[in-house]
């Protein structure tokens, strides 16, 4: 009977844009995505509006300004209703506007991806090796270190550090794992972890 644990991740893309920026709770750069909700603040005849974003790892909230100190009379009734009702289509529209200016002012905007996780075979992860198979059926251009960082709730620097320490190997890149981490994920990638306990690899299969 095998003593290994095998887990599968499948990368799925979405039309949602995410903003990569510093998260004060994680104390490192994280991906923030729109919660499709607005925060409004009225001060007399003027209105402030923010689109709410959340860190994909810890859920930290970030309010990104849509407009500030705008006379309520200058906000169209349709826009005002969309803001007050948290209209999803309007929130997506505003997220695209924010993404178009984010690179220079807010952080780098990139295509969002999600990880579908499936536990194939399980054993005692405190002693066994863990094989992680990453599938990229849509061939999204996302770096391997970014996927591993997202899935393990770590920073990319930590992923590189663990690779240098030999805590995991990538099939076909055993000698030069660091080089592979910077490459876009291929259609199928196999990663073998030597120390499940040190990396707390229970995270691998927990959504």
C-alpha atoms as a PDB file:
ATOM      1  CA  UNK A   1       0.000   0.000   0.000  1.00  0.00           C
ATOM      2  CA  UNK A   2       1.407   3.420  -0.926  1.00  0.00           C
ATOM      3  CA  UNK A   3       2.507   5.684   1.923  1.00  0.00           C
ATOM      4  CA  UNK A   4       2.222   8.793  -0.221  1.00  0.00           C
ATOM      5  CA  UNK A   5      -0.476  11.429  -0.403  1.00  0.00           C
ATOM      6  CA  UNK A   6      -1.562  12.658  -3.816  1.00  0.00           C
ATOM      7  CA  UNK A   7      -3.473  15.886  -4.411  1.00  0.00           C
ATOM      8  CA  UNK A   8      -4.663  17.563  -7.589  1.00  0.00           C
ATOM      9  CA  UNK A   9      -5.093  21.260  -8.286  1.00  0.00           C
ATOM     10  CA  UNK A  10      -6.814  22.483 -11.434  1.00  0.00           C
ATOM     11  CA  UNK A  11      -6.282  26.112 -12.423  1.00  0.00           C
ATOM     12  CA  UNK A  12      -9.454  27.832 -13.622  1.00  0.00           C
ATOM     13  CA  UNK A  13      -9.556  31.330 -15.039  1.00  0.00           C
ATOM     14  CA  UNK A  14     -12.271  33.945 -14.630  1.00  0.00           C
ATOM     15  CA  UNK A  15     -13.118  37.315 -16.103  1.00  0.00           C
ATOM     16  CA  UNK A  16     -12.584  38.987 -12.751  1.00  0.00           C
ATOM     17  CA  UNK A  17      -9.493  41.141 -12.438  1.00  0.00           C
ATOM     18  CA  UNK A  18      -7.413  41.117  -9.305  1.00  0.00           C
ATOM     19  CA  UNK A  19      -5.081  43.738  -7.886  1.00  0.00           C
ATOM     20  CA  UNK A  20      -1.731  42.631  -6.477  1.00  0.00           C
ATOM     21  CA  UNK A  21      -0.844  44.898  -3.572  1.00  0.00           C
ATOM     22  CA  UNK A  22       0.606  44.840  -0.064  1.00  0.00           C
ATOM     23  CA  UNK A  23      -1.674  43.291   2.547  1.00  0.00           C
ATOM     24  CA  UNK A  24      -1.110  44.735   6.018  1.00  0.00           C
ATOM     25  CA  UNK A  25      -2.459  41.603   7.697  1.00  0.00           C
ATOM     26  CA  UNK A  26      -0.392  39.111   5.665  1.00  0.00           C
ATOM     27  CA  UNK A  27       2.556  41.579   5.672  1.00  0.00           C
ATOM     28  CA  UNK A  28       3.359  40.696   2.065  1.00  0.00           C
ATOM     29  CA  UNK A  29       1.985  41.238  -1.437  1.00  0.00           C
ATOM     30  CA  UNK A  30      -1.337  39.488  -2.003  1.00  0.00           C
ATOM     31  CA  UNK A  31      -4.076  39.352  -4.623  1.00  0.00           C
ATOM     32  CA  UNK A  32      -7.196  41.397  -3.898  1.00  0.00           C
ATOM     33  CA  UNK A  33     -10.454  40.790  -5.737  1.00  0.00           C
ATOM     34  CA  UNK A  34     -13.674  42.745  -5.818  1.00  0.00           C
ATOM     35  CA  UNK A  35     -16.342  41.702  -3.320  1.00  0.00           C
ATOM     36  CA  UNK A  36     -18.897  43.247  -5.737  1.00  0.00           C
ATOM     37  CA  UNK A  37     -20.089  45.524  -2.964  1.00  0.00           C
ATOM     38  CA  UNK A  38     -19.838  49.268  -2.459  1.00  0.00           C
ATOM     39  CA  UNK A  39     -19.392  51.466   0.563  1.00  0.00           C
ATOM     40  CA  UNK A  40     -21.106  54.852   0.433  1.00  0.00           C
ATOM     41  CA  UNK A  41     -20.717  57.906   2.643  1.00  0.00           C
ATOM     42  CA  UNK A  42     -22.890  60.981   2.294  1.00  0.00           C
ATOM     43  CA  UNK A  43     -21.721  64.296   3.730  1.00  0.00           C
ATOM     44  CA  UNK A  44     -24.351  66.915   3.134  1.00  0.00           C
ATOM     45  CA  UNK A  45     -24.917  67.193  -0.597  1.00  0.00           C
ATOM     46  CA  UNK A  46     -21.707  65.315  -1.476  1.00  0.00           C
ATOM     47  CA  UNK A  47     -21.116  61.605  -1.829  1.00  0.00           C
ATOM     48  CA  UNK A  48     -18.102  59.292  -1.513  1.00  0.00           C
ATOM     49  CA  UNK A  49     -18.138  55.802  -3.034  1.00  0.00           C
ATOM     50  CA  UNK A  50     -15.695  52.921  -2.719  1.00  0.00           C
ATOM     51  CA  UNK A  51     -15.586  49.468  -4.284  1.00  0.00           C
ATOM     52  CA  UNK A  52     -14.750  46.878  -1.638  1.00  0.00           C
ATOM     53  CA  UNK A  53     -11.895  44.449  -2.310  1.00  0.00           C
ATOM     54  CA  UNK A  54     -10.704  41.561  -0.145  1.00  0.00           C
ATOM     55  CA  UNK A  55      -7.391  39.740   0.173  1.00  0.00           C
ATOM     56  CA  UNK A  56      -7.740  36.260  -1.319  1.00  0.00           C
ATOM     57  CA  UNK A  57      -5.723  34.749   1.527  1.00  0.00           C
ATOM     58  CA  UNK A  58      -6.813  36.402   4.779  1.00  0.00           C
ATOM     59  CA  UNK A  59      -9.922  38.331   3.712  1.00  0.00           C
ATOM     60  CA  UNK A  60      -8.485  41.730   4.706  1.00  0.00           C
ATOM     61  CA  UNK A  61     -10.739  44.474   3.384  1.00  0.00           C
ATOM     62  CA  UNK A  62      -9.519  47.279   1.134  1.00  0.00           C
ATOM     63  CA  UNK A  63     -11.833  50.072   0.020  1.00  0.00           C
ATOM     64  CA  UNK A  64     -10.825  51.422  -3.382  1.00  0.00           C
ATOM     65  CA  UNK A  65     -12.184  54.856  -4.248  1.00  0.00           C
ATOM     66  CA  UNK A  66     -14.679  55.106  -7.114  1.00  0.00           C
ATOM     67  CA  UNK A  67     -15.183  58.822  -6.553  1.00  0.00           C
ATOM     68  CA  UNK A  68     -14.886  61.302  -3.689  1.00  0.00           C
ATOM     69  CA  UNK A  69     -16.772  64.428  -2.635  1.00  0.00           C
ATOM     70  CA  UNK A  70     -18.996  64.326  -5.696  1.00  0.00           C
ATOM     71  CA  UNK A  71     -22.222  66.360  -5.613  1.00  0.00           C
ATOM     72  CA  UNK A  72     -25.121  63.930  -5.329  1.00  0.00           C
ATOM     73  CA  UNK A  73     -26.916  65.889  -8.045  1.00  0.00           C
ATOM     74  CA  UNK A  74     -24.129  64.963 -10.500  1.00  0.00           C
ATOM     75  CA  UNK A  75     -24.566  61.233  -9.932  1.00  0.00           C
ATOM     76  CA  UNK A  76     -27.115  59.771 -12.321  1.00  0.00           C
ATOM     77  CA  UNK A  77     -30.113  57.997 -10.844  1.00  0.00           C
ATOM     78  CA  UNK A  78     -29.142  54.751 -12.558  1.00  0.00           C
ATOM     79  CA  UNK A  79     -25.607  54.897 -11.148  1.00  0.00           C
ATOM     80  CA  UNK A  80     -26.879  55.844  -7.703  1.00  0.00           C
ATOM     81  CA  UNK A  81     -29.306  52.923  -7.665  1.00  0.00           C
ATOM     82  CA  UNK A  82     -26.537  50.533  -8.800  1.00  0.00           C
ATOM     83  CA  UNK A  83     -24.275  51.736  -5.996  1.00  0.00           C
ATOM     84  CA  UNK A  84     -26.981  51.456  -3.351  1.00  0.00           C
ATOM     85  CA  UNK A  85     -28.091  47.995  -4.500  1.00  0.00           C
ATOM     86  CA  UNK A  86     -24.571  46.594  -5.017  1.00  0.00           C
ATOM     87  CA  UNK A  87     -25.390  45.773  -8.627  1.00  0.00           C
ATOM     88  CA  UNK A  88     -22.938  43.005  -9.735  1.00  0.00           C
ATOM     89  CA  UNK A  89     -22.680  44.215 -13.350  1.00  0.00           C
ATOM     90  CA  UNK A  90     -21.955  47.768 -12.216  1.00  0.00           C
ATOM     91  CA  UNK A  91     -19.355  46.491  -9.717  1.00  0.00           C
ATOM     92  CA  UNK A  92     -17.633  44.538 -12.511  1.00  0.00           C
ATOM     93  CA  UNK A  93     -17.658  47.629 -14.706  1.00  0.00           C
ATOM     94  CA  UNK A  94     -16.042  49.706 -11.963  1.00  0.00           C
ATOM     95  CA  UNK A  95     -13.456  46.967 -11.298  1.00  0.00           C
ATOM     96  CA  UNK A  96     -12.379  47.165 -14.948  1.00  0.00           C
ATOM     97  CA  UNK A  97     -11.994  50.939 -14.670  1.00  0.00           C
ATOM     98  CA  UNK A  98      -9.923  50.519 -11.500  1.00  0.00           C
ATOM     99  CA  UNK A  99      -7.757  47.856 -13.149  1.00  0.00           C
ATOM    100  CA  UNK A 100      -6.997  50.180 -16.066  1.00  0.00           C
ATOM    101  CA  UNK A 101      -5.265  52.654 -13.734  1.00  0.00           C
ATOM    102  CA  UNK A 102      -4.040  50.239 -11.065  1.00  0.00           C
ATOM    103  CA  UNK A 103      -0.570  49.512 -12.452  1.00  0.00           C
ATOM    104  CA  UNK A 104       0.762  52.984 -11.706  1.00  0.00           C
ATOM    105  CA  UNK A 105      -1.382  53.963  -8.728  1.00  0.00           C
ATOM    106  CA  UNK A 106      -2.782  50.982  -6.859  1.00  0.00           C
ATOM    107  CA  UNK A 107      -0.857  47.833  -7.748  1.00  0.00           C
ATOM    108  CA  UNK A 108      -0.471  45.485 -10.677  1.00  0.00           C
ATOM    109  CA  UNK A 109      -3.715  44.196 -12.212  1.00  0.00           C
ATOM    110  CA  UNK A 110      -3.725  40.621 -13.487  1.00  0.00           C
ATOM    111  CA  UNK A 111      -6.231  38.013 -14.596  1.00  0.00           C
ATOM    112  CA  UNK A 112      -7.788  36.200 -11.691  1.00  0.00           C
ATOM    113  CA  UNK A 113      -7.579  32.435 -11.296  1.00  0.00           C
ATOM    114  CA  UNK A 114      -9.059  29.949  -8.902  1.00  0.00           C
ATOM    115  CA  UNK A 115      -7.799  26.553  -7.749  1.00  0.00           C
ATOM    116  CA  UNK A 116     -10.080  23.526  -7.794  1.00  0.00           C
ATOM    117  CA  UNK A 117      -8.628  21.044  -5.313  1.00  0.00           C
ATOM    118  CA  UNK A 118      -9.128  17.298  -5.118  1.00  0.00           C
ATOM    119  CA  UNK A 119      -7.662  14.802  -2.678  1.00  0.00           C
ATOM    120  CA  UNK A 120      -6.822  11.649  -4.649  1.00  0.00           C
ATOM    121  CA  UNK A 121      -4.957   9.563  -2.081  1.00  0.00           C
ATOM    122  CA  UNK A 122      -4.289  10.286   1.576  1.00  0.00           C
ATOM    123  CA  UNK A 123      -1.961   8.862   4.208  1.00  0.00           C
ATOM    124  CA  UNK A 124      -0.163  10.115   7.318  1.00  0.00           C
ATOM    125  CA  UNK A 125       1.185  13.453   6.002  1.00  0.00           C
ATOM    126  CA  UNK A 126       3.542  13.842   8.952  1.00  0.00           C
ATOM    127  CA  UNK A 127       5.727  11.046   7.536  1.00  0.00           C
ATOM    128  CA  UNK A 128       4.802  10.523   3.892  1.00  0.00           C
ATOM    129  CA  UNK A 129       5.774  12.371   0.785  1.00  0.00           C
ATOM    130  CA  UNK A 130       3.120  14.455  -0.911  1.00  0.00           C
ATOM    131  CA  UNK A 131       2.660  14.497  -4.663  1.00  0.00           C
ATOM    132  CA  UNK A 132       0.859  17.527  -6.020  1.00  0.00           C
ATOM    133  CA  UNK A 133      -0.338  17.444  -9.616  1.00  0.00           C
ATOM    134  CA  UNK A 134      -1.238  20.851 -11.064  1.00  0.00           C
ATOM    135  CA  UNK A 135      -3.414  20.900 -14.181  1.00  0.00           C
ATOM    136  CA  UNK A 136      -3.712  23.979 -16.393  1.00  0.00           C
ATOM    137  CA  UNK A 137      -6.287  22.931 -19.022  1.00  0.00           C
ATOM    138  CA  UNK A 138      -6.916  26.497 -20.199  1.00  0.00           C
ATOM    139  CA  UNK A 139      -3.171  27.158 -20.463  1.00  0.00           C
ATOM    140  CA  UNK A 140      -3.476  30.372 -18.471  1.00  0.00           C
ATOM    141  CA  UNK A 141      -0.262  32.386 -18.351  1.00  0.00           C
ATOM    142  CA  UNK A 142       0.318  32.296 -14.613  1.00  0.00           C
ATOM    143  CA  UNK A 143       3.681  31.603 -12.969  1.00  0.00           C
ATOM    144  CA  UNK A 144       4.192  28.423 -10.983  1.00  0.00           C
ATOM    145  CA  UNK A 145       5.475  30.286  -7.916  1.00  0.00           C
ATOM    146  CA  UNK A 146       2.295  32.390  -7.969  1.00  0.00           C
ATOM    147  CA  UNK A 147       0.101  29.266  -8.006  1.00  0.00           C
ATOM    148  CA  UNK A 148       2.056  27.599  -5.207  1.00  0.00           C
ATOM    149  CA  UNK A 149       2.033  30.778  -3.138  1.00  0.00           C
ATOM    150  CA  UNK A 150      -1.738  31.094  -3.537  1.00  0.00           C
ATOM    151  CA  UNK A 151      -2.387  27.452  -2.740  1.00  0.00           C
ATOM    152  CA  UNK A 152      -0.099  27.311   0.298  1.00  0.00           C
ATOM    153  CA  UNK A 153      -0.975  30.767   1.672  1.00  0.00           C
ATOM    154  CA  UNK A 154       2.677  31.797   1.448  1.00  0.00           C
ATOM    155  CA  UNK A 155       4.568  34.572  -0.305  1.00  0.00           C
ATOM    156  CA  UNK A 156       6.496  33.910  -3.515  1.00  0.00           C
ATOM    157  CA  UNK A 157       9.723  34.641  -1.621  1.00  0.00           C
ATOM    158  CA  UNK A 158       8.859  31.889   0.842  1.00  0.00           C
ATOM    159  CA  UNK A 159       8.188  29.472  -2.023  1.00  0.00           C
ATOM    160  CA  UNK A 160      11.619  30.219  -3.509  1.00  0.00           C
ATOM    161  CA  UNK A 161      13.225  29.792  -0.084  1.00  0.00           C
ATOM    162  CA  UNK A 162      11.585  26.391   0.440  1.00  0.00           C
ATOM    163  CA  UNK A 163      12.658  25.299  -3.042  1.00  0.00           C
ATOM    164  CA  UNK A 164      16.267  26.284  -2.310  1.00  0.00           C
ATOM    165  CA  UNK A 165      16.103  24.303   0.934  1.00  0.00           C
ATOM    166  CA  UNK A 166      15.061  21.213  -1.020  1.00  0.00           C
ATOM    167  CA  UNK A 167      11.650  20.866   0.597  1.00  0.00           C
ATOM    168  CA  UNK A 168      10.099  20.122  -2.791  1.00  0.00           C
ATOM    169  CA  UNK A 169      11.116  19.144  -6.321  1.00  0.00           C
ATOM    170  CA  UNK A 170       9.459  19.710  -9.676  1.00  0.00           C
ATOM    171  CA  UNK A 171       9.510  16.787 -12.068  1.00  0.00           C
ATOM    172  CA  UNK A 172      11.857  17.523 -14.949  1.00  0.00           C
ATOM    173  CA  UNK A 173      13.456  20.442 -13.077  1.00  0.00           C
ATOM    174  CA  UNK A 174      15.038  18.657 -10.117  1.00  0.00           C
ATOM    175  CA  UNK A 175      18.383  20.387 -10.739  1.00  0.00           C
ATOM    176  CA  UNK A 176      17.021  23.875 -11.454  1.00  0.00           C
ATOM    177  CA  UNK A 177      13.739  24.215  -9.578  1.00  0.00           C
ATOM    178  CA  UNK A 178      14.151  28.004  -9.184  1.00  0.00           C
ATOM    179  CA  UNK A 179      14.109  28.438 -12.976  1.00  0.00           C
ATOM    180  CA  UNK A 180      10.876  26.484 -13.328  1.00  0.00           C
ATOM    181  CA  UNK A 181       9.151  28.528 -10.617  1.00  0.00           C
ATOM    182  CA  UNK A 182       9.389  31.632 -12.814  1.00  0.00           C
ATOM    183  CA  UNK A 183       7.855  29.906 -15.837  1.00  0.00           C
ATOM    184  CA  UNK A 184       4.150  29.862 -16.743  1.00  0.00           C
ATOM    185  CA  UNK A 185       2.508  26.662 -15.566  1.00  0.00           C
ATOM    186  CA  UNK A 186       2.510  23.959 -18.230  1.00  0.00           C
ATOM    187  CA  UNK A 187      -0.553  21.863 -19.000  1.00  0.00           C
ATOM    188  CA  UNK A 188       0.497  19.442 -16.264  1.00  0.00           C
ATOM    189  CA  UNK A 189       3.106  19.886 -13.513  1.00  0.00           C
ATOM    190  CA  UNK A 190       4.155  17.384 -10.866  1.00  0.00           C
ATOM    191  CA  UNK A 191       5.552  18.656  -7.563  1.00  0.00           C
ATOM    192  CA  UNK A 192       6.865  16.317  -4.874  1.00  0.00           C
ATOM    193  CA  UNK A 193       7.167  17.578  -1.307  1.00  0.00           C
ATOM    194  CA  UNK A 194       9.691  15.940   0.998  1.00  0.00           C
ATOM    195  CA  UNK A 195       8.511  17.465   4.268  1.00  0.00           C
ATOM    196  CA  UNK A 196       4.770  17.726   4.554  1.00  0.00           C
ATOM    197  CA  UNK A 197       4.954  18.596   8.244  1.00  0.00           C
ATOM    198  CA  UNK A 198       7.258  21.606   7.776  1.00  0.00           C
ATOM    199  CA  UNK A 199       5.113  23.130   5.049  1.00  0.00           C
ATOM    200  CA  UNK A 200       1.800  22.308   6.796  1.00  0.00           C
ATOM    201  CA  UNK A 201       0.605  20.660   3.608  1.00  0.00           C
ATOM    202  CA  UNK A 202      -2.874  20.047   4.935  1.00  0.00           C
ATOM    203  CA  UNK A 203      -3.469  23.381   3.179  1.00  0.00           C
ATOM    204  CA  UNK A 204      -2.953  21.689  -0.173  1.00  0.00           C
ATOM    205  CA  UNK A 205      -6.395  20.143  -0.207  1.00  0.00           C
ATOM    206  CA  UNK A 206      -8.338  22.624   1.922  1.00  0.00           C
ATOM    207  CA  UNK A 207     -10.245  25.187  -0.204  1.00  0.00           C
END
